[in-house]
Amino acid sequence: MRHKVVEALRLLAPSDVAGVPKIRIGGPHDGGYVMLDCLRARAPVMSFGIGPSMTFDLDMAGRGHPVLMFDHTIERLPDSDDGCTWFREGIGHVPGGALPTLAEHMAKLPDGAKDPLLKLDVEGAEWDVLSHADPAVLARFSQIVIEFHDLAQLAEPAFNARALRALQALGAFAPIHVHANNFADLALVEGLMVADVMEVTYVRRDLVSLRPSATSYPTPLDSPCFAGAEDTLLWFFPFLPGSTEATLPADDNALSAPAIRHRPRIDPPDLWELRCDLAASLRMAARMGLHEGICNHFSAMLPGSANQFLVNRYGLAFAEATASSLLICDFDGNVLHGEGEPEATAFFIHARLHKSLPRARVALHTHMPYATALAMVEGEPLVWAGQSALKFLGRTVVDPDYNGLALDEAEGDRIAASMGDADIVFLRNHGVMVTGRTVAAAFDDLYYLERACEAQVLAMSTGRKLCPVPPEIAQHTATQMRGDTGSAALHLASLRRRLDREEPEYAR
């Protein structure tokens, strides 16, 4: 596969452009990109994939470019500008499919638009968007800025073929600026150094005069995406000036170093806080008796990511979890960072759940005793007879079909589909799954759900008839509880203060 890795890397080799300076569009860190300073006045921008920062889009709008933004995984923009129009739509590669193609999206451009600009995050399905794009459609753009993800997988035959098709589809364009995103690691792939995430700026070849690159990257216009670490020096093929395939080490002299997932990682602050929140939740779940052996699992989507998530490592009890022990996985079953593997059912349930339900940023699965007990009896688990239970009125469903262990994608998809619009699913004969938008919200629900179930089981054990709350009062109380948007965060903060005093190693 080494020659196929080289073939893909060769297509990322940058050229210099004669007589045209470069400018930085956007902020100094993540979300800013370097382009040629030859933008046509008011040329529209099509921007696919919106992270926590939209400084590129705001800068473009401030320069007078109408910006069309596309992302179906968010509920609102992180910022706003009159020059930016957001469409809650993704992008696909099948004409007439569930997600519009690039060509179908371009119908939204203003009439007579010339030399539009394209910004695209390419990870997962977006590789197919590029490889299936009509060359005539791509050729309408003057410059394209792409952030390529998962390049460390170039030695995997299926991914390599997919990546090659996508890179070859850009044949009418030349890479003229490259930058490694330092949120991700460098990897050794078939003995060759590879940056896992690359920001690449392309220009249409017929618009410029190209010459071999004499530029060392990063340049003074570049800035580390994660401000807490140094930028990544691209000192290797094909980015180092003068490097060619002839300068590469032979197979038997290839570089040797740990793979990407075993390299030390410097997490951005928001990801480290997420790690600490999830580790704290695991530790406190153990203290509260909400765990079962080493077989339950908590997961949380990475900030700004649509296909990568944290999950606890198989073999560690909840009480042993630490922030750094959590694994980063993707929806394809790869462990991208961390030692060990997730428990098998953890992957098939959580990956499919997060993929199918973007609102479920956090998913907590347990066999906690009282909730699981109520998942084992006939009828609805909760009868709305206690105040704590009313927190969950209208938010739960029952998956009635127990099919054994979830050891394939189909079972994970079935569980995800059973949730519908609910936040919590009682898995008949199994346990519960609690989802939320934050770790704090999900853990608060997990805690109060078990308390509500415990109170109901104790009441049922008396043998006396339960007294449900009248429906109108129950609904009113549930509405009141949903209006309390701050207590979950305060609850988790209090638990973390307790762990800071008693088990500070959770945050290591």
Protein backbone atom coordinates (compact mmCIF):
# COMPACT_ATOMS: atom_id res chain seq x y z
CA MET A 1 0.00 0.00 0.00
CA ARG A 2 2.97 2.32 0.36
CA HIS A 3 2.89 3.40 -3.27
CA LYS A 4 -0.83 4.20 -2.96
CA VAL A 5 -0.13 6.35 0.11
CA VAL A 6 2.56 8.18 -1.87
CA GLU A 7 0.14 8.65 -4.77
CA ALA A 8 -2.41 10.30 -2.47
CA LEU A 9 0.15 12.52 -0.77
CA ARG A 10 1.52 13.63 -4.14
CA LEU A 11 -1.90 15.11 -4.96
CA LEU A 12 -1.57 17.38 -1.89
CA ALA A 13 1.80 18.82 -2.95
CA PRO A 14 1.53 22.64 -3.00
CA SER A 15 2.67 25.02 -5.73
CA ASP A 16 3.56 28.67 -5.47
CA VAL A 17 1.61 31.29 -7.44
CA ALA A 18 3.48 33.95 -9.36
CA GLY A 19 2.55 37.57 -8.66
CA VAL A 20 -0.45 37.01 -6.35
CA PRO A 21 -0.10 37.60 -2.59
CA LYS A 22 -1.97 35.62 0.05
CA ILE A 23 -4.27 36.82 2.80
CA ARG A 24 -5.70 35.23 5.91
CA ILE A 25 -9.48 35.09 6.10
CA GLY A 26 -10.96 34.60 9.56
CA GLY A 27 -9.53 34.54 13.06
CA PRO A 28 -6.00 33.76 14.20
CA HIS A 29 -6.70 30.17 15.24
CA ASP A 30 -9.21 27.44 14.35
CA GLY A 31 -11.65 28.61 11.68
CA GLY A 32 -9.26 30.91 9.80
CA TYR A 33 -7.79 30.02 6.38
CA VAL A 34 -5.18 31.40 3.97
CA MET A 35 -6.27 32.20 0.42
CA LEU A 36 -5.03 34.08 -2.63
CA ASP A 37 -5.75 37.81 -2.50
CA CYS A 38 -7.53 37.84 -5.84
CA LEU A 39 -11.14 37.46 -4.78
CA ARG A 40 -13.73 38.79 -7.21
CA ALA A 41 -15.78 41.54 -5.58
CA ARG A 42 -18.97 40.17 -4.01
CA ALA A 43 -18.24 36.64 -5.20
CA PRO A 44 -20.56 34.41 -3.15
CA VAL A 45 -19.16 31.92 -0.67
CA MET A 46 -20.59 28.44 -0.07
CA SER A 47 -19.51 27.22 3.36
CA PHE A 48 -20.24 23.61 4.39
CA GLY A 49 -19.73 22.50 7.99
CA ILE A 50 -20.00 24.99 10.84
CA GLY A 51 -17.79 24.57 13.87
CA PRO A 52 -17.82 26.54 17.13
CA SER A 53 -16.04 29.37 15.32
CA MET A 54 -17.36 31.00 12.14
CA THR A 55 -14.73 33.75 11.84
CA PHE A 56 -14.05 32.80 8.21
CA ASP A 57 -17.68 33.32 7.26
CA LEU A 58 -17.97 36.55 9.24
CA ASP A 59 -14.78 37.91 7.68
CA MET A 60 -16.02 37.05 4.20
CA ALA A 61 -19.36 38.72 4.91
CA GLY A 62 -17.51 41.78 6.23
CA ARG A 63 -15.62 41.99 2.94
CA GLY A 64 -18.92 42.17 1.07
CA HIS A 65 -19.22 38.53 0.01
CA PRO A 66 -22.66 36.95 0.48
CA VAL A 67 -22.09 33.77 2.50
CA LEU A 68 -24.34 30.71 2.20
CA MET A 69 -23.74 28.40 5.17
CA PHE A 70 -24.85 24.76 5.34
CA ASP A 71 -24.98 22.43 8.34
CA HIS A 72 -27.79 20.06 9.36
CA THR A 73 -26.19 18.96 12.63
CA ILE A 74 -26.66 22.22 14.57
CA GLU A 75 -29.72 24.04 15.84
CA ARG A 76 -28.41 27.58 15.54
CA LEU A 77 -25.38 29.50 14.34
CA PRO A 78 -22.71 30.34 16.93
CA ASP A 79 -22.84 33.96 15.69
CA SER A 80 -24.82 36.02 13.21
CA ASP A 81 -24.32 38.53 10.43
CA ASP A 82 -26.69 40.00 7.88
CA GLY A 83 -24.34 38.81 5.15
CA CYS A 84 -24.60 35.17 6.23
CA THR A 85 -27.53 32.93 5.34
CA TRP A 86 -27.76 29.56 7.06
CA PHE A 87 -29.47 26.52 5.59
CA ARG A 88 -30.08 23.63 7.97
CA GLU A 89 -29.06 21.19 5.29
CA GLY A 90 -26.20 18.79 4.80
CA ILE A 91 -24.53 17.74 1.59
CA GLY A 92 -24.67 14.37 -0.16
CA HIS A 93 -23.51 12.81 -3.40
CA VAL A 94 -26.68 11.11 -4.69
CA PRO A 95 -28.86 13.35 -6.89
CA GLY A 96 -32.36 13.57 -5.48
CA GLY A 97 -31.24 11.94 -2.23
CA ALA A 98 -31.98 12.91 1.36
CA LEU A 99 -29.06 15.36 1.34
CA PRO A 100 -28.75 17.73 -1.65
CA THR A 101 -25.67 17.41 -3.85
CA LEU A 102 -23.24 20.24 -4.45
CA ALA A 103 -24.87 20.88 -7.83
CA GLU A 104 -28.32 21.04 -6.22
CA HIS A 105 -27.07 23.44 -3.56
CA MET A 106 -25.56 25.72 -6.21
CA ALA A 107 -29.05 26.51 -7.42
CA LYS A 108 -29.23 28.72 -4.31
CA LEU A 109 -26.47 31.00 -5.61
CA PRO A 110 -27.54 34.46 -6.77
CA ASP A 111 -28.33 34.76 -10.45
CA GLY A 112 -25.25 35.49 -12.51
CA ALA A 113 -22.85 34.61 -9.68
CA LYS A 114 -19.29 34.42 -11.00
CA ASP A 115 -16.26 32.70 -9.50
CA PRO A 116 -17.91 31.61 -6.25
CA LEU A 117 -15.75 30.31 -3.42
CA LEU A 118 -16.17 26.99 -1.64
CA LYS A 119 -15.24 25.98 1.92
CA LEU A 120 -15.78 22.33 2.78
CA ASP A 121 -14.95 20.05 5.68
CA VAL A 122 -14.20 16.61 4.25
CA GLU A 123 -14.66 13.77 6.70
CA GLY A 124 -16.80 10.71 6.45
CA ALA A 125 -19.41 11.05 3.71
CA GLU A 126 -17.93 14.29 2.34
CA TRP A 127 -15.16 12.26 0.70
CA ASP A 128 -17.87 10.85 -1.56
CA VAL A 129 -19.27 14.33 -2.16
CA LEU A 130 -15.97 15.31 -3.77
CA SER A 131 -15.39 12.09 -5.68
CA HIS A 132 -18.90 12.18 -7.21
CA ALA A 133 -18.96 15.91 -7.95
CA ASP A 134 -19.44 16.90 -11.58
CA PRO A 135 -16.11 18.43 -12.79
CA ALA A 136 -18.08 21.17 -14.56
CA VAL A 137 -19.75 22.07 -11.28
CA LEU A 138 -16.43 22.21 -9.40
CA ALA A 139 -14.91 24.29 -12.20
CA ARG A 140 -17.33 27.13 -11.44
CA PHE A 141 -15.39 27.88 -8.26
CA SER A 142 -12.30 30.07 -8.34
CA GLN A 143 -10.85 28.95 -5.00
CA ILE A 144 -11.70 26.03 -2.73
CA VAL A 145 -10.69 25.68 0.91
CA ILE A 146 -10.90 22.13 2.27
CA GLU A 147 -10.13 20.63 5.64
CA PHE A 148 -9.32 16.97 5.00
CA HIS A 149 -9.80 14.58 7.93
CA ASP A 150 -8.55 11.05 8.66
CA LEU A 151 -5.50 11.11 6.40
CA ALA A 152 -3.79 8.80 8.89
CA GLN A 153 -6.01 6.07 7.42
CA LEU A 154 -4.41 6.31 3.96
CA ALA A 155 -2.87 2.84 4.32
CA GLU A 156 -6.32 1.25 4.60
CA PRO A 157 -7.22 0.11 1.06
CA ALA A 158 -10.89 1.16 1.12
CA PHE A 159 -10.16 4.60 2.54
CA ASN A 160 -7.18 5.10 0.24
CA ALA A 161 -9.30 4.37 -2.84
CA ARG A 162 -11.98 6.74 -1.59
CA ALA A 163 -9.45 9.50 -0.88
CA LEU A 164 -7.74 9.10 -4.24
CA ARG A 165 -11.04 9.47 -6.10
CA ALA A 166 -11.81 12.64 -4.18
CA LEU A 167 -8.36 14.19 -4.65
CA GLN A 168 -8.31 13.31 -8.34
CA ALA A 169 -11.70 15.00 -8.77
CA LEU A 170 -9.92 18.26 -7.98
CA GLY A 171 -7.66 17.92 -11.01
CA ALA A 172 -8.71 21.32 -12.42
CA PHE A 173 -7.35 22.91 -9.24
CA ALA A 174 -3.88 23.23 -7.75
CA PRO A 175 -3.08 23.23 -4.02
CA ILE A 176 -1.42 26.56 -3.26
CA HIS A 177 -1.41 26.60 0.53
CA VAL A 178 -1.26 23.82 3.13
CA HIS A 179 -1.55 23.82 6.91
CA ALA A 180 -1.72 20.96 9.41
CA ASN A 181 -4.47 21.29 12.01
CA ASN A 182 -2.68 20.75 15.33
CA PHE A 183 -5.86 19.57 17.03
CA ALA A 184 -4.91 16.23 15.46
CA ASP A 185 -1.67 14.29 15.49
CA LEU A 186 1.02 13.35 13.04
CA ALA A 187 1.13 9.67 12.16
CA LEU A 188 3.51 7.27 10.51
CA VAL A 189 1.72 5.61 7.62
CA GLU A 190 3.69 2.97 5.76
CA GLY A 191 6.84 4.63 7.12
CA LEU A 192 5.78 8.08 5.86
CA MET A 193 4.90 11.04 8.06
CA VAL A 194 1.29 12.14 7.55
CA ALA A 195 -0.74 14.92 9.17
CA ASP A 196 -4.11 13.45 10.08
CA VAL A 197 -6.02 16.70 9.41
CA MET A 198 -4.90 19.10 6.69
CA GLU A 199 -6.23 22.47 5.59
CA VAL A 200 -5.62 22.88 1.87
CA THR A 201 -6.41 25.89 -0.32
CA TYR A 202 -6.94 25.26 -4.04
CA VAL A 203 -7.09 27.68 -6.97
CA ARG A 204 -8.40 26.91 -10.42
CA ARG A 205 -5.37 26.29 -12.61
CA ASP A 206 -6.50 28.47 -15.52
CA LEU A 207 -6.59 31.58 -13.30
CA VAL A 208 -2.94 31.69 -12.20
CA SER A 209 0.64 30.98 -13.16
CA LEU A 210 2.08 28.17 -11.04
CA ARG A 211 5.66 27.35 -10.14
CA PRO A 212 7.33 24.75 -7.90
CA SER A 213 6.94 25.46 -4.23
CA ALA A 214 9.76 27.23 -2.39
CA THR A 215 7.51 27.89 0.63
CA SER A 216 8.07 26.36 4.04
CA TYR A 217 4.92 25.64 6.01
CA PRO A 218 3.58 27.00 8.28
CA THR A 219 4.03 30.54 6.98
CA PRO A 220 3.72 33.85 8.90
CA LEU A 221 0.06 33.97 7.81
CA ASP A 222 -0.64 30.66 9.53
CA SER A 223 -1.59 30.19 13.14
CA PRO A 224 -2.03 27.04 15.24
CA CYS A 225 -5.63 25.92 15.25
CA PHE A 226 -5.26 25.06 18.93
CA ALA A 227 -3.62 28.06 20.58
CA GLY A 228 -2.38 25.94 23.48
CA ALA A 229 0.21 24.09 21.38
CA GLU A 230 2.83 24.89 18.76
CA ASP A 231 1.92 24.80 15.11
CA THR A 232 2.88 21.70 13.15
CA LEU A 233 5.98 22.03 11.00
CA LEU A 234 5.50 20.35 7.62
CA TRP A 235 9.09 19.23 7.21
CA PHE A 236 8.29 16.14 5.20
CA PHE A 237 7.13 14.99 1.74
CA PRO A 238 5.33 16.40 -0.17
CA PHE A 239 5.29 19.78 1.62
CA LEU A 240 8.97 20.44 2.27
CA PRO A 241 10.43 22.40 -0.69
CA GLY A 242 12.55 20.13 -2.85
CA SER A 243 11.10 16.91 -1.46
CA THR A 244 10.19 14.36 -4.11
CA GLU A 245 9.42 10.68 -4.24
CA ALA A 246 13.12 10.15 -4.95
CA THR A 247 13.96 11.68 -1.56
CA LEU A 248 11.70 9.29 0.36
CA PRO A 249 13.31 6.54 2.45
CA ALA A 250 13.10 3.06 1.01
CA ASP A 251 10.64 0.67 2.61
CA ASP A 252 13.34 -1.06 4.64
CA ASN A 253 14.68 2.31 5.86
CA ALA A 254 11.29 3.81 6.63
CA LEU A 255 10.84 5.95 9.68
CA SER A 256 9.76 4.20 12.83
CA ALA A 257 7.59 5.66 15.61
CA PRO A 258 4.34 4.95 17.48
CA ALA A 259 1.11 5.11 15.51
CA ILE A 260 -1.19 8.09 15.74
CA ARG A 261 -3.40 6.73 18.48
CA HIS A 262 -0.45 6.10 20.81
CA ARG A 263 1.16 9.55 20.54
CA PRO A 264 0.74 11.99 23.42
CA ARG A 265 -2.19 14.24 22.72
CA ILE A 266 -2.74 17.85 23.73
CA ASP A 267 -6.47 18.40 23.91
CA PRO A 268 -8.06 21.80 23.32
CA PRO A 269 -9.61 23.22 26.50
CA ASP A 270 -13.22 22.41 25.60
CA LEU A 271 -12.33 18.79 24.84
CA TRP A 272 -10.37 18.44 28.08
CA GLU A 273 -13.34 19.79 30.05
CA LEU A 274 -15.56 17.27 28.29
CA ARG A 275 -13.15 14.50 29.26
CA CYS A 276 -13.20 15.63 32.90
CA ASP A 277 -17.01 15.91 32.94
CA LEU A 278 -17.43 12.41 31.51
CA ALA A 279 -14.81 10.90 33.83
CA ALA A 280 -16.48 12.58 36.82
CA SER A 281 -19.84 11.16 35.75
CA LEU A 282 -18.39 7.66 35.51
CA ARG A 283 -16.79 7.94 38.96
CA MET A 284 -19.93 9.28 40.59
CA ALA A 285 -22.10 6.66 38.88
CA ALA A 286 -19.87 4.05 40.52
CA ARG A 287 -20.21 5.70 43.92
CA MET A 288 -23.98 5.75 43.55
CA GLY A 289 -24.24 2.12 42.50
CA LEU A 290 -25.45 2.94 38.99
CA HIS A 291 -22.82 0.74 37.29
CA GLU A 292 -22.51 -2.98 36.67
CA GLY A 293 -19.06 -4.55 36.50
CA ILE A 294 -17.09 -3.26 33.52
CA CYS A 295 -19.87 -3.57 30.98
CA ASN A 296 -21.78 -0.26 31.00
CA HIS A 297 -20.71 2.71 28.94
CA PHE A 298 -20.90 6.49 28.69
CA SER A 299 -20.13 8.46 25.53
CA ALA A 300 -20.01 12.08 24.39
CA MET A 301 -19.53 13.61 20.95
CA LEU A 302 -16.38 15.70 20.57
CA PRO A 303 -16.93 19.47 20.47
CA GLY A 304 -17.54 20.58 16.90
CA SER A 305 -17.38 17.02 15.54
CA ALA A 306 -20.13 15.20 13.69
CA ASN A 307 -18.55 11.72 13.74
CA GLN A 308 -16.09 11.36 16.65
CA PHE A 309 -16.93 10.59 20.26
CA LEU A 310 -15.42 9.84 23.65
CA VAL A 311 -16.24 6.53 25.32
CA ASN A 312 -14.92 4.70 28.36
CA ARG A 313 -12.41 1.91 27.84
CA TYR A 314 -13.41 -1.73 28.12
CA GLY A 315 -11.84 -3.43 31.12
CA LEU A 316 -11.81 -0.40 33.41
CA ALA A 317 -14.50 -0.11 36.04
CA PHE A 318 -16.34 3.20 36.26
CA ALA A 319 -14.45 3.88 39.50
CA GLU A 320 -11.14 3.67 37.62
CA ALA A 321 -12.03 6.10 34.83
CA THR A 322 -9.83 9.12 34.25
CA ALA A 323 -10.10 11.95 31.75
CA SER A 324 -7.08 10.70 29.80
CA SER A 325 -8.23 7.06 29.76
CA LEU A 326 -11.28 7.86 27.63
CA LEU A 327 -11.02 6.74 24.00
CA ILE A 328 -11.74 8.82 20.91
CA CYS A 329 -13.59 6.70 18.34
CA ASP A 330 -15.28 7.37 15.03
CA PHE A 331 -18.48 5.96 13.56
CA ASP A 332 -16.52 3.46 11.47
CA GLY A 333 -15.26 1.59 14.52
CA ASN A 334 -11.76 3.06 14.61
CA VAL A 335 -10.05 4.04 17.86
CA LEU A 336 -8.43 7.33 16.87
CA HIS A 337 -6.75 8.01 20.17
CA GLY A 338 -6.20 6.15 23.42
CA GLU A 339 -5.04 2.80 24.74
CA GLY A 340 -7.41 -0.16 24.51
CA GLU A 341 -10.79 -0.68 22.90
CA PRO A 342 -14.41 0.13 23.73
CA GLU A 343 -16.66 -2.69 24.86
CA ALA A 344 -18.20 -4.22 21.72
CA THR A 345 -21.80 -3.34 22.51
CA ALA A 346 -20.65 0.17 23.47
CA PHE A 347 -19.57 0.78 19.90
CA PHE A 348 -22.59 -0.73 18.21
CA ILE A 349 -25.06 1.09 20.46
CA HIS A 350 -23.39 4.46 20.96
CA ALA A 351 -21.92 5.01 17.50
CA ARG A 352 -25.23 4.25 15.80
CA LEU A 353 -27.16 6.32 18.34
CA HIS A 354 -24.97 9.39 17.91
CA LYS A 355 -25.01 9.01 14.12
CA SER A 356 -28.79 8.62 13.92
CA LEU A 357 -29.68 11.26 16.53
CA PRO A 358 -27.42 14.32 16.24
CA ARG A 359 -29.23 15.93 19.18
CA ALA A 360 -27.92 13.13 21.42
CA ARG A 361 -24.49 14.62 22.07
CA VAL A 362 -24.17 12.51 25.22
CA ALA A 363 -25.40 8.95 25.79
CA LEU A 364 -25.27 7.13 29.12
CA HIS A 365 -26.13 3.42 29.20
CA THR A 366 -26.45 1.57 32.49
CA HIS A 367 -28.08 -1.42 34.12
CA MET A 368 -28.78 0.59 37.27
CA PRO A 369 -30.92 -1.60 39.51
CA TYR A 370 -34.21 0.20 40.04
CA ALA A 371 -34.61 1.53 36.49
CA THR A 372 -33.64 -1.89 35.12
CA ALA A 373 -36.16 -3.54 37.45
CA LEU A 374 -38.94 -1.40 36.01
CA ALA A 375 -37.73 -2.30 32.50
CA MET A 376 -38.44 -5.93 33.40
CA VAL A 377 -42.12 -5.64 34.33
CA GLU A 378 -45.22 -5.38 32.17
CA GLY A 379 -46.68 -2.01 31.31
CA GLU A 380 -45.15 1.45 31.41
CA PRO A 381 -42.13 1.65 33.72
CA LEU A 382 -43.11 4.94 35.39
CA VAL A 383 -46.60 5.59 36.71
CA TRP A 384 -46.09 9.31 37.55
CA ALA A 385 -46.82 8.92 41.23
CA GLY A 386 -43.75 10.71 42.58
CA GLN A 387 -42.48 14.25 42.01
CA SER A 388 -39.05 13.14 40.77
CA ALA A 389 -40.70 10.99 38.12
CA LEU A 390 -42.53 14.01 36.71
CA LYS A 391 -39.19 15.34 35.47
CA PHE A 392 -39.46 12.65 32.79
CA LEU A 393 -43.10 12.99 31.76
CA GLY A 394 -43.30 12.89 27.96
CA ARG A 395 -39.57 12.21 27.66
CA THR A 396 -39.37 8.42 27.85
CA VAL A 397 -40.16 5.49 25.59
CA VAL A 398 -39.95 1.73 25.95
CA ASP A 399 -38.08 -0.47 23.49
CA PRO A 400 -40.11 -3.68 23.90
CA ASP A 401 -37.92 -5.94 21.76
CA TYR A 402 -35.01 -7.53 23.56
CA ASN A 403 -32.78 -9.26 20.99
CA GLY A 404 -29.78 -10.25 23.08
CA LEU A 405 -26.43 -8.43 23.01
CA ALA A 406 -26.10 -5.52 20.56
CA LEU A 407 -23.23 -6.88 18.49
CA ASP A 408 -24.03 -5.43 15.07
CA GLU A 409 -24.99 -2.14 13.51
CA ALA A 410 -28.53 -3.28 12.79
CA GLU A 411 -29.29 -3.73 16.48
CA GLY A 412 -27.73 -0.36 17.27
CA ASP A 413 -29.83 1.25 14.54
CA ARG A 414 -32.96 -0.43 15.89
CA ILE A 415 -32.34 0.89 19.40
CA ALA A 416 -31.67 4.40 18.05
CA ALA A 417 -34.88 4.28 15.98
CA SER A 418 -36.88 3.20 19.02
CA MET A 419 -36.01 6.46 20.79
CA GLY A 420 -37.88 8.68 18.36
CA ASP A 421 -38.08 12.12 19.97
CA ALA A 422 -37.52 10.81 23.50
CA ASP A 423 -34.48 11.52 25.67
CA ILE A 424 -34.63 8.23 27.58
CA VAL A 425 -35.38 4.69 26.47
CA PHE A 426 -36.17 1.83 28.81
CA LEU A 427 -34.67 -1.23 27.11
CA ARG A 428 -36.99 -4.12 27.97
CA ASN A 429 -35.20 -6.89 29.92
CA HIS A 430 -31.96 -4.92 29.65
CA GLY A 431 -31.46 -1.45 31.17
CA VAL A 432 -31.78 2.20 30.20
CA MET A 433 -30.20 4.69 27.81
CA VAL A 434 -30.23 8.35 28.82
CA THR A 435 -29.26 11.02 26.26
CA GLY A 436 -28.71 14.74 26.50
CA ARG A 437 -27.05 17.72 24.90
CA THR A 438 -24.40 17.98 27.64
CA VAL A 439 -22.80 15.63 30.13
CA ALA A 440 -24.34 17.67 32.93
CA ALA A 441 -27.86 17.37 31.54
CA ALA A 442 -27.57 13.65 30.82
CA PHE A 443 -26.05 12.76 34.19
CA ASP A 444 -28.62 14.83 36.05
CA ASP A 445 -31.35 12.87 34.27
CA LEU A 446 -29.59 9.57 34.98
CA TYR A 447 -29.37 10.34 38.69
CA TYR A 448 -32.96 11.52 39.09
CA LEU A 449 -34.31 8.71 36.92
CA GLU A 450 -32.82 6.10 39.25
CA ARG A 451 -34.10 8.00 42.28
CA ALA A 452 -37.59 8.15 40.78
CA CYS A 453 -37.50 4.44 39.95
CA GLU A 454 -36.21 3.58 43.42
CA ALA A 455 -39.05 5.50 45.09
CA GLN A 456 -41.62 3.79 42.85
CA VAL A 457 -40.23 0.29 43.49
CA LEU A 458 -40.24 0.93 47.24
CA ALA A 459 -43.82 2.19 47.08
CA MET A 460 -44.87 -0.83 45.01
CA SER A 461 -43.19 -3.15 47.51
CA THR A 462 -45.70 -2.09 50.18
CA GLY A 463 -48.42 -3.85 48.19
CA ARG A 464 -50.65 -0.81 48.50
CA LYS A 465 -52.19 0.98 45.52
CA LEU A 466 -50.12 3.82 44.08
CA CYS A 467 -51.65 7.30 43.70
CA PRO A 468 -50.59 8.89 40.39
CA VAL A 469 -50.51 12.68 40.24
CA PRO A 470 -53.54 14.07 38.34
CA PRO A 471 -52.58 14.50 34.65
CA GLU A 472 -53.02 18.29 34.52
CA ILE A 473 -50.89 18.82 37.63
CA ALA A 474 -48.34 16.30 36.41
CA GLN A 475 -48.01 18.16 33.09
CA HIS A 476 -47.76 21.53 34.84
CA THR A 477 -45.03 20.23 37.14
CA ALA A 478 -43.11 18.69 34.25
CA THR A 479 -43.20 22.03 32.44
CA GLN A 480 -41.92 23.79 35.56
CA MET A 481 -39.05 21.33 35.82
CA ARG A 482 -38.04 21.79 32.19
CA GLY A 483 -37.81 25.52 32.77
CA ASP A 484 -34.94 24.94 35.20
CA THR A 485 -32.00 25.09 32.81
CA GLY A 486 -29.19 25.70 35.28
CA SER A 487 -29.46 23.10 38.02
CA ALA A 488 -27.92 20.25 36.00
CA ALA A 489 -24.68 22.18 35.49
CA LEU A 490 -24.61 23.14 39.17
CA HIS A 491 -25.21 19.50 40.11
CA LEU A 492 -22.25 18.29 38.05
CA ALA A 493 -20.06 21.13 39.35
CA SER A 494 -20.82 20.06 42.92
CA LEU A 495 -19.91 16.45 42.10
CA ARG A 496 -16.65 17.53 40.54
CA ARG A 497 -15.75 19.61 43.62
CA ARG A 498 -16.31 16.51 45.71
CA LEU A 499 -14.08 14.45 43.43
CA ASP A 500 -11.46 17.21 43.39
CA ARG A 501 -11.18 16.76 47.15
CA GLU A 502 -11.49 12.99 47.38
CA GLU A 503 -10.41 11.48 44.02
CA PRO A 504 -8.47 14.18 42.15
CA GLU A 505 -6.93 11.58 39.85
CA TYR A 506 -10.20 11.47 37.86
CA ALA A 507 -9.08 14.66 36.09
CA ARG A 508 -5.73 13.27 34.95
